[in-house]
Amino acid sequence: MHTNYYFLRQLAPVLQARLQGLFFMECFSQDRDEVVLAFAQARGKANYYKPVFVKVTLRPDFSGLLVSDDVRRARTNSVDLFNNLTGNEGGDDPDRPGMETPGKAVLGVRSFLNERCLAIDLADGYTLLFKFFGNRPNLLIFNENDVEDLFNSKLVADRNLKLDSIDRPIDQSETAFMAAAGDYRKLFPTFGKLVRAYVEKRAQEAGTGVTWAMLQDVLRELDQPTYSLIRFEHHPALSLVPLAEPIRTYSDPIEATNGFFISYNGQNVVDRERADVLRLIDKRLKRARALLDANLQRLISRDDGPSHEELGNLLMANLHNVPVLPGGRSPETITVEDFYRDNRPVTIRLKVDLSPQRNAEGYYRKAKNEKIEAEHLTQQIDYREKEIDELQAHRAVIEPMQSLKELRRYVKQHGLLGDAPASTDPAELFKEVQYEGFVIRIGRNAKNNDLLTQRYAYKDDLWLHARDVSGSHVVVKYKAGKPFPKTVIERAAELAAWYSKRRTDSLCPVIVTPKKFVRKPKGLAEGQVVVEKEDVVLVVPKGE
């Protein structure tokens, strides 16, 4: 929370008090992702008078600031920045003999509504803006409302920012909360991971969902916080809410940001790499447990009510009670006694354009697919349980490791990092749908599409993709001796249309071809392929 809106709005007035009456004297960088700003009352020939230094790290994986009375500048490999604001382009100050020309005077420090930004306003309409946006942090120089210069010039979109557009008003009323169906994240996007974890923890302890009263309590805590250094996802974190047992507490925002900055950057290489691996394992554990719960729920839900086989038997046993409509058609439903469940009445849905016998055949066909799906779910449950056991075992081994060499060797041997997927189970790598006994797999992104098509699809599988737009690769797995039914092809095409840029179209053309006609020549971007022979079907996009 060290760059969170709720922290920055408390840091701003305290930092303003520290910088009051000072001038922007110097700005330099001695690291690619680090900048140091020096403020002081005056500049002598060798030293500053009453200096305050603001050291800012702006890495994609970490951004934060430290406020200090002393920062040593390296004699080599450092570069001056923004000289037109620091007074370094001038000479001696004619009004103060022995002193150099000062830079722009500090007028104030401010935060922005619902944004992770902090600004230091200078004289003559200049503003130093620290933008702590996720993996796009930057330091920008505004002249009035427009960007004049920036620290990371690769973030070209930052040049188009306007200072007066950074505030982000959001309706955070109880009415808006109710209109969002209780989804507090839409109203409070600046909570961040720590506050969201705290809110969910409180809701879980209360045994309820997140309530408006609960959110008001959290907001009051954010207004009058205790600044605590905790461990979150195996890394040091600065918290404004009592999420975990504090390692250390601080009395004011500057002390808090300094303590966190030193603690986070003071981690040794072993601590940092071990924390990264443990966080990845925890993420995989969370996903495996969620998939296990989903498979168990699907398996349990199949036991509710009569199975398709039982419905087929009940229908066949009551054919004489089914009224036959003109043209051999059936009614929409029929209610019969369920001899599997103490003769309780059960309603059986029928397709009106089929005879009662054909309807029974349909239920028996579904029952066959039902058994295949049950076997698949059982296999998936076994796989998830084994995966959870393996991940927990890896975690137990890695957590106490203190040797960097040992850690890296273990991670490499077990494939816990790197581009190769940790799992080789297709059901985990791709979205998977079972339909009429056929397995349909769907790529998750461009890289995942390549993996599906190049490594997990074979020449007799059916390959589908929405025509002329980006989207997921879809593969229907071949079953020996069985042609692909038209209904299966249409369902796979609906999924290909849904997972594409044509999702909102009323009709979508979808390429259908055997995998053997799909090639990926060298030089094509991720997810791009060449289709040598194709058929096209028109379908309505439809998700799972």
Protein backbone atom coordinates (compact mmCIF):
# COMPACT_ATOMS: atom_id res chain seq x y z
CA MET A 1 0.00 0.00 0.00
CA HIS A 2 3.06 2.26 -0.16
CA THR A 3 1.80 3.73 -3.46
CA ASN A 4 -1.89 3.30 -2.69
CA TYR A 5 -4.19 6.32 -3.00
CA TYR A 6 -5.17 6.10 0.69
CA PHE A 7 -1.51 6.21 1.76
CA LEU A 8 -0.42 8.90 -0.71
CA ARG A 9 -3.16 11.29 0.45
CA GLN A 10 -1.74 11.04 3.98
CA LEU A 11 1.87 11.26 2.83
CA ALA A 12 1.26 14.45 0.79
CA PRO A 13 0.66 16.94 3.66
CA VAL A 14 3.50 15.49 5.76
CA LEU A 15 5.94 15.67 2.84
CA GLN A 16 4.75 19.22 2.11
CA ALA A 17 5.71 20.24 5.65
CA ARG A 18 9.21 18.79 5.08
CA LEU A 19 9.66 20.61 1.75
CA GLN A 20 8.08 23.92 2.77
CA GLY A 21 10.38 26.87 1.97
CA LEU A 22 12.85 24.72 -0.02
CA PHE A 23 14.03 24.90 -3.63
CA PHE A 24 14.43 22.12 -6.20
CA MET A 25 18.25 22.03 -6.30
CA GLU A 26 19.29 18.88 -8.12
CA CYS A 27 17.97 15.82 -9.89
CA PHE A 28 20.18 12.92 -10.91
CA SER A 29 20.04 9.23 -11.76
CA GLN A 30 22.72 6.65 -11.02
CA ASP A 31 20.59 3.63 -11.83
CA ARG A 32 18.42 2.95 -14.85
CA ASP A 33 15.22 2.81 -12.78
CA GLU A 34 16.11 5.22 -9.99
CA VAL A 35 16.01 9.00 -9.65
CA VAL A 36 17.12 11.23 -6.76
CA LEU A 37 15.66 14.71 -6.20
CA ALA A 38 17.43 17.18 -3.90
CA PHE A 39 15.60 20.07 -2.19
CA ALA A 40 17.27 22.65 0.06
CA GLN A 41 17.02 26.21 1.34
CA ALA A 42 20.25 27.21 -0.40
CA ARG A 43 23.20 25.82 -2.31
CA GLY A 44 26.79 26.51 -1.33
CA LYS A 45 29.91 25.73 -3.33
CA ALA A 46 30.16 22.22 -1.84
CA ASN A 47 27.02 21.47 0.18
CA TYR A 48 23.33 22.20 0.51
CA TYR A 49 21.81 24.10 3.41
CA LYS A 50 19.10 22.05 5.18
CA PRO A 51 18.66 19.51 2.35
CA VAL A 52 15.89 16.94 1.90
CA PHE A 53 16.41 14.15 -0.63
CA VAL A 54 13.62 12.14 -2.26
CA LYS A 55 14.91 8.89 -3.73
CA VAL A 56 12.43 7.20 -6.08
CA THR A 57 12.60 3.69 -7.56
CA LEU A 58 10.51 3.26 -10.72
CA ARG A 59 10.93 -0.38 -11.76
CA PRO A 60 8.07 -2.26 -13.46
CA ASP A 61 8.11 -4.82 -10.62
CA PHE A 62 8.52 -2.29 -7.79
CA SER A 63 8.07 1.44 -7.32
CA GLY A 64 8.35 3.49 -4.15
CA LEU A 65 10.08 6.44 -2.51
CA LEU A 66 12.40 7.19 0.38
CA VAL A 67 12.76 10.60 2.04
CA SER A 68 16.20 11.27 3.58
CA ASP A 69 18.44 14.06 4.85
CA ASP A 70 21.45 12.57 3.09
CA VAL A 71 21.99 10.65 -0.16
CA ARG A 72 25.52 10.08 -1.42
CA ARG A 73 25.95 10.60 -5.14
CA ALA A 74 28.31 8.28 -6.97
CA ARG A 75 31.31 9.93 -8.57
CA THR A 76 30.77 8.00 -11.79
CA ASN A 77 27.83 6.61 -13.74
CA SER A 78 25.38 9.30 -12.69
CA VAL A 79 23.61 11.81 -14.91
CA ASP A 80 21.94 15.17 -14.21
CA LEU A 81 18.26 15.56 -15.14
CA PHE A 82 15.84 18.47 -15.56
CA ASN A 83 18.53 21.16 -15.23
CA ASN A 84 16.14 23.90 -16.32
CA LEU A 85 14.19 23.37 -13.05
CA THR A 86 17.13 22.91 -10.66
CA GLY A 87 19.07 26.08 -11.44
CA ASN A 88 22.11 24.11 -12.59
CA GLU A 89 22.13 26.04 -15.85
CA GLY A 90 22.88 29.31 -14.04
CA GLY A 91 25.78 30.66 -11.99
CA ASP A 92 26.03 32.53 -8.70
CA ASP A 93 22.95 34.09 -7.16
CA PRO A 94 23.45 37.88 -7.44
CA ASP A 95 21.27 38.46 -4.37
CA ARG A 96 23.25 36.04 -2.15
CA PRO A 97 27.04 36.20 -2.50
CA GLY A 98 28.74 32.80 -2.24
CA MET A 99 25.52 30.97 -3.11
CA GLU A 100 24.57 29.49 -6.49
CA THR A 101 21.31 30.25 -8.27
CA PRO A 102 18.54 28.13 -6.68
CA GLY A 103 16.08 26.06 -8.64
CA LYS A 104 12.32 26.40 -8.65
CA ALA A 105 10.71 26.99 -5.25
CA VAL A 106 8.45 24.29 -3.80
CA LEU A 107 4.87 25.55 -3.53
CA GLY A 108 3.16 22.40 -2.22
CA VAL A 109 2.66 18.63 -2.38
CA ARG A 110 -0.64 17.00 -3.33
CA SER A 111 -2.23 13.65 -4.12
CA PHE A 112 -4.96 12.94 -6.67
CA LEU A 113 -8.48 11.60 -6.24
CA ASN A 114 -8.60 7.80 -6.58
CA GLU A 115 -5.20 7.62 -8.30
CA ARG A 116 -1.72 6.41 -7.40
CA CYS A 117 -0.02 9.72 -8.11
CA LEU A 118 1.84 12.27 -6.02
CA ALA A 119 2.76 15.77 -7.21
CA ILE A 120 5.24 18.39 -6.03
CA ASP A 121 4.17 21.82 -7.31
CA LEU A 122 6.99 24.22 -8.16
CA ALA A 123 7.13 27.91 -9.00
CA ASP A 124 6.37 29.25 -12.50
CA GLY A 125 3.70 26.62 -13.19
CA TYR A 126 5.89 23.51 -13.04
CA THR A 127 4.88 20.20 -11.40
CA LEU A 128 6.87 17.05 -10.62
CA LEU A 129 4.44 14.12 -10.88
CA PHE A 130 5.27 10.65 -9.52
CA LYS A 131 3.06 8.17 -11.37
CA PHE A 132 2.96 4.82 -9.56
CA PHE A 133 0.87 2.89 -12.08
CA GLY A 134 1.51 -0.86 -11.73
CA ASN A 135 4.23 -1.86 -14.20
CA ARG A 136 4.27 1.63 -15.81
CA PRO A 137 5.69 3.93 -13.10
CA ASN A 138 7.28 7.19 -14.19
CA LEU A 139 8.33 10.70 -13.17
CA LEU A 140 6.81 13.42 -15.36
CA ILE A 141 7.50 17.15 -15.57
CA PHE A 142 4.42 19.25 -16.29
CA ASN A 143 4.54 22.84 -17.45
CA GLU A 144 1.08 24.06 -16.51
CA ASN A 145 -1.22 21.31 -17.89
CA ASP A 146 1.09 19.64 -20.43
CA VAL A 147 3.99 17.19 -20.16
CA GLU A 148 7.31 18.89 -20.86
CA ASP A 149 9.68 16.04 -19.97
CA LEU A 150 9.67 12.58 -18.39
CA PHE A 151 12.13 10.20 -16.79
CA ASN A 152 11.22 7.00 -18.68
CA SER A 153 10.89 8.16 -22.28
CA LYS A 154 9.87 4.65 -23.43
CA LEU A 155 6.42 5.18 -21.92
CA VAL A 156 5.41 7.34 -24.88
CA ALA A 157 1.72 7.39 -23.93
CA ASP A 158 2.65 9.43 -20.84
CA ARG A 159 3.41 12.41 -23.07
CA ASN A 160 -0.31 12.74 -23.80
CA LEU A 161 -1.34 13.02 -20.13
CA LYS A 162 -3.00 16.21 -18.93
CA LEU A 163 -2.49 17.29 -15.32
CA ASP A 164 -6.11 18.36 -14.87
CA SER A 165 -7.40 14.93 -15.98
CA ILE A 166 -5.58 12.77 -13.43
CA ASP A 167 -8.20 13.09 -10.68
CA ARG A 168 -10.68 10.21 -11.04
CA PRO A 169 -14.11 10.97 -9.52
CA ILE A 170 -16.11 7.81 -8.72
CA ASP A 171 -19.61 7.57 -7.29
CA GLN A 172 -18.91 5.75 -4.02
CA SER A 173 -22.37 6.12 -2.51
CA GLU A 174 -24.50 3.37 -1.00
CA THR A 175 -26.86 3.72 -3.97
CA ALA A 176 -23.98 3.02 -6.37
CA PHE A 177 -22.95 0.04 -4.22
CA MET A 178 -26.46 -1.43 -4.48
CA ALA A 179 -26.57 -0.73 -8.22
CA ALA A 180 -23.30 -2.66 -8.60
CA ALA A 181 -24.94 -5.65 -6.88
CA GLY A 182 -22.52 -5.37 -3.97
CA ASP A 183 -19.39 -5.50 -6.14
CA TYR A 184 -17.28 -3.10 -4.05
CA ARG A 185 -14.28 -3.39 -6.40
CA LYS A 186 -16.08 -1.26 -8.98
CA LEU A 187 -16.55 1.54 -6.44
CA PHE A 188 -13.15 1.26 -4.75
CA PRO A 189 -10.62 0.23 -7.43
CA THR A 190 -7.80 1.85 -5.41
CA PHE A 191 -8.15 -0.54 -2.45
CA GLY A 192 -5.38 -2.74 -3.84
CA LYS A 193 -4.55 -6.33 -2.91
CA LEU A 194 -4.03 -5.75 0.82
CA VAL A 195 -7.26 -3.90 1.50
CA ARG A 196 -9.25 -6.33 -0.66
CA ALA A 197 -7.73 -9.24 1.27
CA TYR A 198 -8.70 -7.51 4.53
CA VAL A 199 -12.27 -6.87 3.34
CA GLU A 200 -12.69 -10.49 2.24
CA LYS A 201 -11.21 -11.70 5.54
CA ARG A 202 -13.74 -9.62 7.50
CA ALA A 203 -16.61 -10.88 5.36
CA GLN A 204 -15.49 -14.48 5.86
CA GLU A 205 -15.19 -14.03 9.62
CA ALA A 206 -18.68 -12.47 9.71
CA GLY A 207 -20.08 -15.32 7.61
CA THR A 208 -21.68 -12.84 5.20
CA GLY A 209 -20.95 -11.11 1.96
CA VAL A 210 -19.30 -7.69 1.88
CA THR A 211 -21.80 -5.18 3.32
CA TRP A 212 -21.98 -1.40 3.04
CA ALA A 213 -21.50 -1.03 6.80
CA MET A 214 -18.38 -3.18 6.61
CA LEU A 215 -16.94 -0.96 3.86
CA GLN A 216 -17.59 2.16 5.93
CA ASP A 217 -15.66 0.61 8.82
CA VAL A 218 -12.73 -0.14 6.51
CA LEU A 219 -12.75 3.41 5.11
CA ARG A 220 -12.61 4.81 8.65
CA GLU A 221 -9.61 2.58 9.36
CA LEU A 222 -7.92 3.87 6.20
CA ASP A 223 -8.51 7.47 7.33
CA GLN A 224 -6.91 6.85 10.73
CA PRO A 225 -4.50 3.99 10.10
CA THR A 226 -1.73 2.29 11.97
CA TYR A 227 1.18 2.07 9.54
CA SER A 228 2.45 -1.52 9.75
CA LEU A 229 5.19 -3.48 8.03
CA ILE A 230 3.85 -7.00 7.41
CA ARG A 231 4.62 -9.94 5.16
CA PHE A 232 2.14 -10.46 2.33
CA GLU A 233 2.60 -13.07 -0.40
CA HIS A 234 6.08 -13.73 1.08
CA HIS A 235 7.31 -10.14 0.59
CA PRO A 236 7.45 -7.14 2.95
CA ALA A 237 4.38 -4.92 2.56
CA LEU A 238 3.17 -1.66 4.07
CA SER A 239 -0.36 -2.00 5.41
CA LEU A 240 -2.86 0.58 6.67
CA VAL A 241 -5.26 -2.11 7.94
CA PRO A 242 -4.73 -4.93 10.50
CA LEU A 243 -4.43 -7.69 7.91
CA ALA A 244 -1.59 -9.63 9.57
CA GLU A 245 0.65 -9.56 12.62
CA PRO A 246 2.94 -6.51 12.19
CA ILE A 247 6.70 -6.91 12.00
CA ARG A 248 7.07 -3.22 12.85
CA THR A 249 4.77 -0.20 13.23
CA TYR A 250 5.42 3.47 12.36
CA SER A 251 4.07 6.75 13.67
CA ASP A 252 3.94 8.84 10.47
CA PRO A 253 3.80 8.31 6.69
CA ILE A 254 7.41 9.34 5.93
CA GLU A 255 8.77 7.00 8.57
CA ALA A 256 6.49 4.27 7.15
CA THR A 257 7.53 4.69 3.51
CA ASN A 258 11.20 4.82 4.51
CA GLY A 259 10.96 1.71 6.67
CA PHE A 260 9.14 -0.24 3.98
CA PHE A 261 11.50 0.96 1.20
CA ILE A 262 14.58 -0.14 3.16
CA SER A 263 13.01 -3.44 4.17
CA TYR A 264 11.86 -4.35 0.66
CA ASN A 265 15.10 -3.41 -1.07
CA GLY A 266 17.17 -4.89 1.75
CA GLN A 267 16.01 -8.40 0.95
CA ASN A 268 18.92 -10.55 -0.16
CA VAL A 269 18.82 -12.50 -3.41
CA VAL A 270 17.86 -15.76 -1.68
CA ASP A 271 14.90 -14.13 0.12
CA ARG A 272 13.66 -12.50 -3.06
CA GLU A 273 13.93 -15.55 -5.32
CA ARG A 274 12.47 -17.85 -2.67
CA ALA A 275 9.54 -15.46 -2.18
CA ASP A 276 8.90 -15.36 -5.94
CA VAL A 277 8.86 -19.17 -6.18
CA LEU A 278 6.63 -19.55 -3.12
CA ARG A 279 4.20 -16.97 -4.46
CA LEU A 280 4.00 -18.86 -7.77
CA ILE A 281 3.40 -22.17 -5.94
CA ASP A 282 0.66 -20.54 -3.84
CA LYS A 283 -0.98 -19.24 -7.00
CA ARG A 284 -0.95 -22.73 -8.54
CA LEU A 285 -2.26 -24.23 -5.30
CA LYS A 286 -5.15 -21.78 -5.26
CA ARG A 287 -6.02 -22.60 -8.87
CA ALA A 288 -5.74 -26.37 -8.32
CA ARG A 289 -8.02 -26.20 -5.27
CA ALA A 290 -10.57 -24.12 -7.18
CA LEU A 291 -10.58 -26.63 -10.06
CA LEU A 292 -10.86 -29.53 -7.61
CA ASP A 293 -13.87 -27.88 -5.94
CA ALA A 294 -15.48 -27.21 -9.32
CA ASN A 295 -15.05 -30.83 -10.43
CA LEU A 296 -16.40 -32.13 -7.11
CA GLN A 297 -19.43 -29.83 -7.39
CA ARG A 298 -20.12 -31.03 -10.93
CA LEU A 299 -19.85 -34.65 -9.82
CA ILE A 300 -22.10 -34.09 -6.79
CA SER A 301 -24.71 -32.17 -8.81
CA ARG A 302 -25.10 -35.18 -11.10
CA ASP A 303 -26.56 -37.12 -8.16
CA ASP A 304 -29.42 -34.62 -7.73
CA GLY A 305 -32.54 -36.01 -9.37
CA PRO A 306 -32.86 -38.86 -11.86
CA SER A 307 -30.04 -39.61 -14.30
CA HIS A 308 -30.52 -39.59 -18.07
CA GLU A 309 -30.54 -43.41 -18.06
CA GLU A 310 -33.27 -43.44 -15.42
CA LEU A 311 -35.31 -40.90 -17.40
CA GLY A 312 -34.96 -43.09 -20.51
CA ASN A 313 -36.15 -46.15 -18.56
CA LEU A 314 -39.06 -44.24 -17.04
CA LEU A 315 -40.09 -43.00 -20.47
CA MET A 316 -39.92 -46.48 -22.02
CA ALA A 317 -41.93 -47.90 -19.11
CA ASN A 318 -44.65 -45.28 -19.71
CA LEU A 319 -44.81 -45.19 -23.51
CA HIS A 320 -48.47 -46.19 -23.34
CA ASN A 321 -49.18 -43.05 -21.28
CA VAL A 322 -47.53 -40.63 -23.72
CA PRO A 323 -50.14 -39.03 -25.97
CA VAL A 324 -49.09 -39.21 -29.61
CA LEU A 325 -49.79 -35.95 -31.39
CA PRO A 326 -50.42 -35.56 -35.15
CA GLY A 327 -47.38 -36.43 -37.26
CA GLY A 328 -45.97 -38.72 -34.54
CA ARG A 329 -44.99 -35.71 -32.44
CA SER A 330 -44.69 -35.67 -28.62
CA PRO A 331 -45.93 -33.24 -25.97
CA GLU A 332 -43.38 -30.89 -24.36
CA THR A 333 -43.47 -32.78 -21.02
CA ILE A 334 -44.94 -35.86 -19.40
CA THR A 335 -45.29 -36.53 -15.65
CA VAL A 336 -44.86 -40.12 -14.48
CA GLU A 337 -44.24 -42.00 -11.22
CA ASP A 338 -40.56 -42.42 -10.42
CA PHE A 339 -40.22 -46.05 -9.32
CA TYR A 340 -36.55 -45.32 -8.42
CA ARG A 341 -37.69 -42.89 -5.71
CA ASP A 342 -40.82 -44.25 -3.96
CA ASN A 343 -43.10 -43.49 -6.91
CA ARG A 344 -42.78 -39.75 -6.47
CA PRO A 345 -43.95 -37.80 -9.54
CA VAL A 346 -41.22 -36.68 -11.94
CA THR A 347 -41.60 -34.52 -15.04
CA ILE A 348 -39.73 -35.61 -18.18
CA ARG A 349 -39.00 -33.02 -20.86
CA LEU A 350 -39.55 -34.17 -24.47
CA LYS A 351 -38.61 -32.84 -27.87
CA VAL A 352 -41.94 -32.23 -29.60
CA ASP A 353 -40.64 -33.00 -33.10
CA LEU A 354 -39.55 -36.53 -32.07
CA SER A 355 -41.60 -39.60 -31.24
CA PRO A 356 -41.59 -40.88 -27.63
CA GLN A 357 -39.26 -43.74 -28.64
CA ARG A 358 -36.81 -41.33 -30.28
CA ASN A 359 -36.91 -39.17 -27.15
CA ALA A 360 -35.98 -42.22 -25.07
CA GLU A 361 -33.09 -42.93 -27.44
CA GLY A 362 -31.91 -39.38 -26.89
CA TYR A 363 -31.86 -39.91 -23.12
CA TYR A 364 -29.88 -43.15 -23.51
CA ARG A 365 -27.38 -41.37 -25.75
CA LYS A 366 -26.98 -38.65 -23.11
CA ALA A 367 -26.56 -41.32 -20.45
CA LYS A 368 -23.62 -42.78 -22.37
CA ASN A 369 -22.01 -39.32 -22.54
CA GLU A 370 -22.86 -38.85 -18.87
CA LYS A 371 -20.80 -41.92 -17.93
CA ILE A 372 -17.88 -40.69 -20.04
CA GLU A 373 -18.08 -37.31 -18.33
CA ALA A 374 -18.25 -38.95 -14.88
CA GLU A 375 -15.10 -40.95 -15.65
CA HIS A 376 -13.40 -37.77 -16.86
CA LEU A 377 -14.39 -35.84 -13.72
CA THR A 378 -13.13 -38.66 -11.50
CA GLN A 379 -9.80 -38.63 -13.34
CA GLN A 380 -9.57 -34.85 -12.96
CA ILE A 381 -10.30 -35.04 -9.24
CA ASP A 382 -7.52 -37.63 -8.81
CA TYR A 383 -5.14 -35.46 -10.83
CA ARG A 384 -5.93 -32.31 -8.81
CA GLU A 385 -5.43 -34.09 -5.51
CA LYS A 386 -2.03 -35.39 -6.65
CA GLU A 387 -1.09 -31.94 -7.96
CA ILE A 388 -1.99 -30.31 -4.63
CA ASP A 389 0.08 -32.90 -2.74
CA GLU A 390 3.08 -32.28 -5.04
CA LEU A 391 2.85 -28.48 -4.73
CA GLN A 392 2.58 -28.68 -0.96
CA ALA A 393 5.63 -30.96 -0.89
CA HIS A 394 7.61 -28.46 -3.05
CA ARG A 395 6.56 -25.66 -0.73
CA ALA A 396 7.70 -27.56 2.37
CA VAL A 397 11.14 -28.17 0.81
CA ILE A 398 11.67 -24.61 -0.52
CA GLU A 399 10.46 -22.60 2.48
CA PRO A 400 13.46 -23.29 4.77
CA MET A 401 16.12 -23.09 2.01
CA GLN A 402 18.95 -20.62 2.64
CA SER A 403 21.34 -21.59 -0.17
CA LEU A 404 20.80 -19.77 -3.47
CA LYS A 405 22.56 -22.54 -5.41
CA GLU A 406 20.39 -25.21 -3.78
CA LEU A 407 17.21 -23.19 -4.43
CA ARG A 408 17.96 -22.62 -8.10
CA ARG A 409 18.95 -26.25 -8.66
CA TYR A 410 15.73 -27.51 -7.04
CA VAL A 411 13.55 -25.08 -9.02
CA LYS A 412 15.22 -26.07 -12.31
CA GLN A 413 15.03 -29.82 -11.61
CA HIS A 414 11.31 -29.67 -10.91
CA GLY A 415 10.41 -27.15 -13.65
CA LEU A 416 8.79 -24.69 -11.25
CA LEU A 417 9.75 -21.64 -13.33
CA GLY A 418 10.47 -20.89 -16.97
CA ASP A 419 8.49 -20.81 -20.20
CA ALA A 420 7.60 -24.50 -20.11
CA PRO A 421 4.25 -25.12 -18.42
CA ALA A 422 4.53 -26.65 -14.97
CA SER A 423 1.74 -29.05 -15.84
CA THR A 424 1.41 -31.27 -18.89
CA ASP A 425 -2.26 -31.97 -18.26
CA PRO A 426 -4.26 -30.50 -21.18
CA ALA A 427 -7.29 -29.95 -18.95
CA GLU A 428 -5.23 -27.47 -16.93
CA LEU A 429 -3.37 -25.87 -19.82
CA PHE A 430 -6.49 -25.10 -21.89
CA LYS A 431 -10.17 -24.45 -21.40
CA GLU A 432 -11.91 -27.79 -21.92
CA VAL A 433 -15.52 -28.64 -22.79
CA GLN A 434 -17.06 -32.12 -23.00
CA TYR A 435 -19.83 -32.39 -25.60
CA GLU A 436 -21.56 -35.59 -26.77
CA GLY A 437 -18.54 -37.60 -25.73
CA PHE A 438 -16.04 -35.42 -27.61
CA VAL A 439 -13.37 -33.26 -25.95
CA ILE A 440 -13.18 -29.64 -27.15
CA ARG A 441 -10.07 -27.65 -26.12
CA ILE A 442 -9.78 -23.86 -26.33
CA GLY A 443 -6.59 -21.77 -26.27
CA ARG A 444 -6.31 -19.07 -23.59
CA ASN A 445 -4.06 -16.54 -25.39
CA ALA A 446 -1.70 -16.26 -28.38
CA LYS A 447 1.13 -18.24 -26.78
CA ASN A 448 -1.31 -20.81 -25.43
CA ASN A 449 -2.90 -21.11 -28.90
CA ASP A 450 0.49 -22.12 -30.32
CA LEU A 451 0.93 -24.68 -27.56
CA LEU A 452 -2.50 -26.18 -28.28
CA THR A 453 -2.11 -26.32 -32.06
CA GLN A 454 1.56 -27.28 -32.29
CA ARG A 455 1.98 -29.70 -29.38
CA TYR A 456 -1.44 -30.91 -28.25
CA ALA A 457 -3.30 -31.31 -31.55
CA TYR A 458 -2.77 -34.16 -34.02
CA LYS A 459 -3.42 -34.44 -37.74
CA ASP A 460 -6.87 -36.03 -37.42
CA ASP A 461 -8.15 -33.58 -34.82
CA LEU A 462 -10.55 -30.89 -36.00
CA TRP A 463 -9.22 -27.30 -35.85
CA LEU A 464 -11.49 -24.22 -35.71
CA HIS A 465 -10.98 -20.45 -35.59
CA ALA A 466 -13.18 -17.40 -36.14
CA ARG A 467 -12.51 -16.13 -39.65
CA ASP A 468 -10.53 -12.91 -40.27
CA VAL A 469 -10.31 -11.85 -36.60
CA SER A 470 -8.10 -12.64 -33.63
CA GLY A 471 -9.38 -15.29 -31.25
CA SER A 472 -8.76 -18.61 -29.59
CA HIS A 473 -7.69 -21.74 -31.44
CA VAL A 474 -10.26 -24.50 -30.85
CA VAL A 475 -9.49 -28.20 -31.27
CA VAL A 476 -11.94 -31.11 -31.24
CA LYS A 477 -10.12 -34.32 -30.33
CA TYR A 478 -10.50 -37.20 -32.79
CA LYS A 479 -12.08 -40.46 -31.61
CA ALA A 480 -10.89 -43.54 -33.47
CA GLY A 481 -13.41 -44.76 -36.03
CA LYS A 482 -15.95 -42.03 -35.28
CA PRO A 483 -16.68 -39.11 -37.63
CA PHE A 484 -17.27 -35.71 -36.07
CA PRO A 485 -21.05 -35.24 -35.65
CA LYS A 486 -22.53 -32.08 -37.11
CA THR A 487 -23.80 -31.07 -33.68
CA VAL A 488 -20.27 -31.31 -32.22
CA ILE A 489 -18.80 -29.23 -35.06
CA GLU A 490 -21.48 -26.57 -34.55
CA ARG A 491 -20.85 -26.47 -30.79
CA ALA A 492 -17.09 -26.12 -31.29
CA ALA A 493 -17.72 -23.37 -33.85
CA GLU A 494 -19.97 -21.53 -31.37
CA LEU A 495 -17.12 -21.63 -28.84
CA ALA A 496 -14.58 -20.44 -31.42
CA ALA A 497 -16.88 -17.52 -32.25
CA TRP A 498 -17.44 -16.73 -28.56
CA TYR A 499 -13.70 -16.64 -27.77
CA SER A 500 -12.94 -14.19 -30.58
CA LYS A 501 -13.36 -10.53 -31.51
CA ARG A 502 -16.70 -11.49 -33.11
CA ARG A 503 -18.29 -12.44 -29.77
CA THR A 504 -20.95 -9.71 -30.09
CA ASP A 505 -21.81 -10.41 -33.76
CA SER A 506 -25.20 -11.93 -34.54
CA LEU A 507 -23.56 -14.45 -36.90
CA CYS A 508 -19.90 -15.39 -37.10
CA PRO A 509 -18.05 -17.27 -39.89
CA VAL A 510 -15.76 -19.94 -38.43
CA ILE A 511 -12.98 -21.85 -40.21
CA VAL A 512 -13.24 -25.65 -39.82
CA THR A 513 -10.44 -27.92 -41.04
CA PRO A 514 -8.47 -31.02 -40.02
CA LYS A 515 -5.35 -30.08 -38.05
CA LYS A 516 -3.12 -31.54 -40.82
CA PHE A 517 -3.99 -28.51 -42.99
CA VAL A 518 -2.75 -26.00 -40.38
CA ARG A 519 0.91 -24.90 -40.55
CA LYS A 520 3.07 -22.38 -38.70
CA PRO A 521 5.96 -21.18 -40.91
CA LYS A 522 8.97 -19.56 -39.27
CA GLY A 523 8.65 -15.85 -38.62
CA LEU A 524 4.94 -15.75 -37.82
CA ALA A 525 3.91 -14.05 -34.59
CA GLU A 526 2.57 -15.98 -31.60
CA GLY A 527 -0.84 -17.48 -32.36
CA GLN A 528 -0.59 -16.92 -36.14
CA VAL A 529 -0.87 -19.88 -38.52
CA VAL A 530 -1.45 -20.65 -42.20
CA VAL A 531 -4.54 -22.70 -43.16
CA GLU A 532 -4.12 -24.54 -46.46
CA LYS A 533 -7.64 -25.94 -46.81
CA GLU A 534 -10.78 -24.86 -45.04
CA ASP A 535 -14.54 -25.03 -44.78
CA VAL A 536 -16.58 -22.25 -43.20
CA VAL A 537 -19.68 -22.52 -41.02
CA LEU A 538 -21.91 -19.68 -39.81
CA VAL A 539 -22.92 -19.84 -36.14
CA VAL A 540 -24.21 -17.67 -33.34
CA PRO A 541 -21.41 -17.07 -30.76
CA LYS A 542 -22.19 -19.03 -27.59
CA GLY A 543 -20.02 -19.56 -24.50
CA GLU A 544 -19.80 -22.48 -22.10
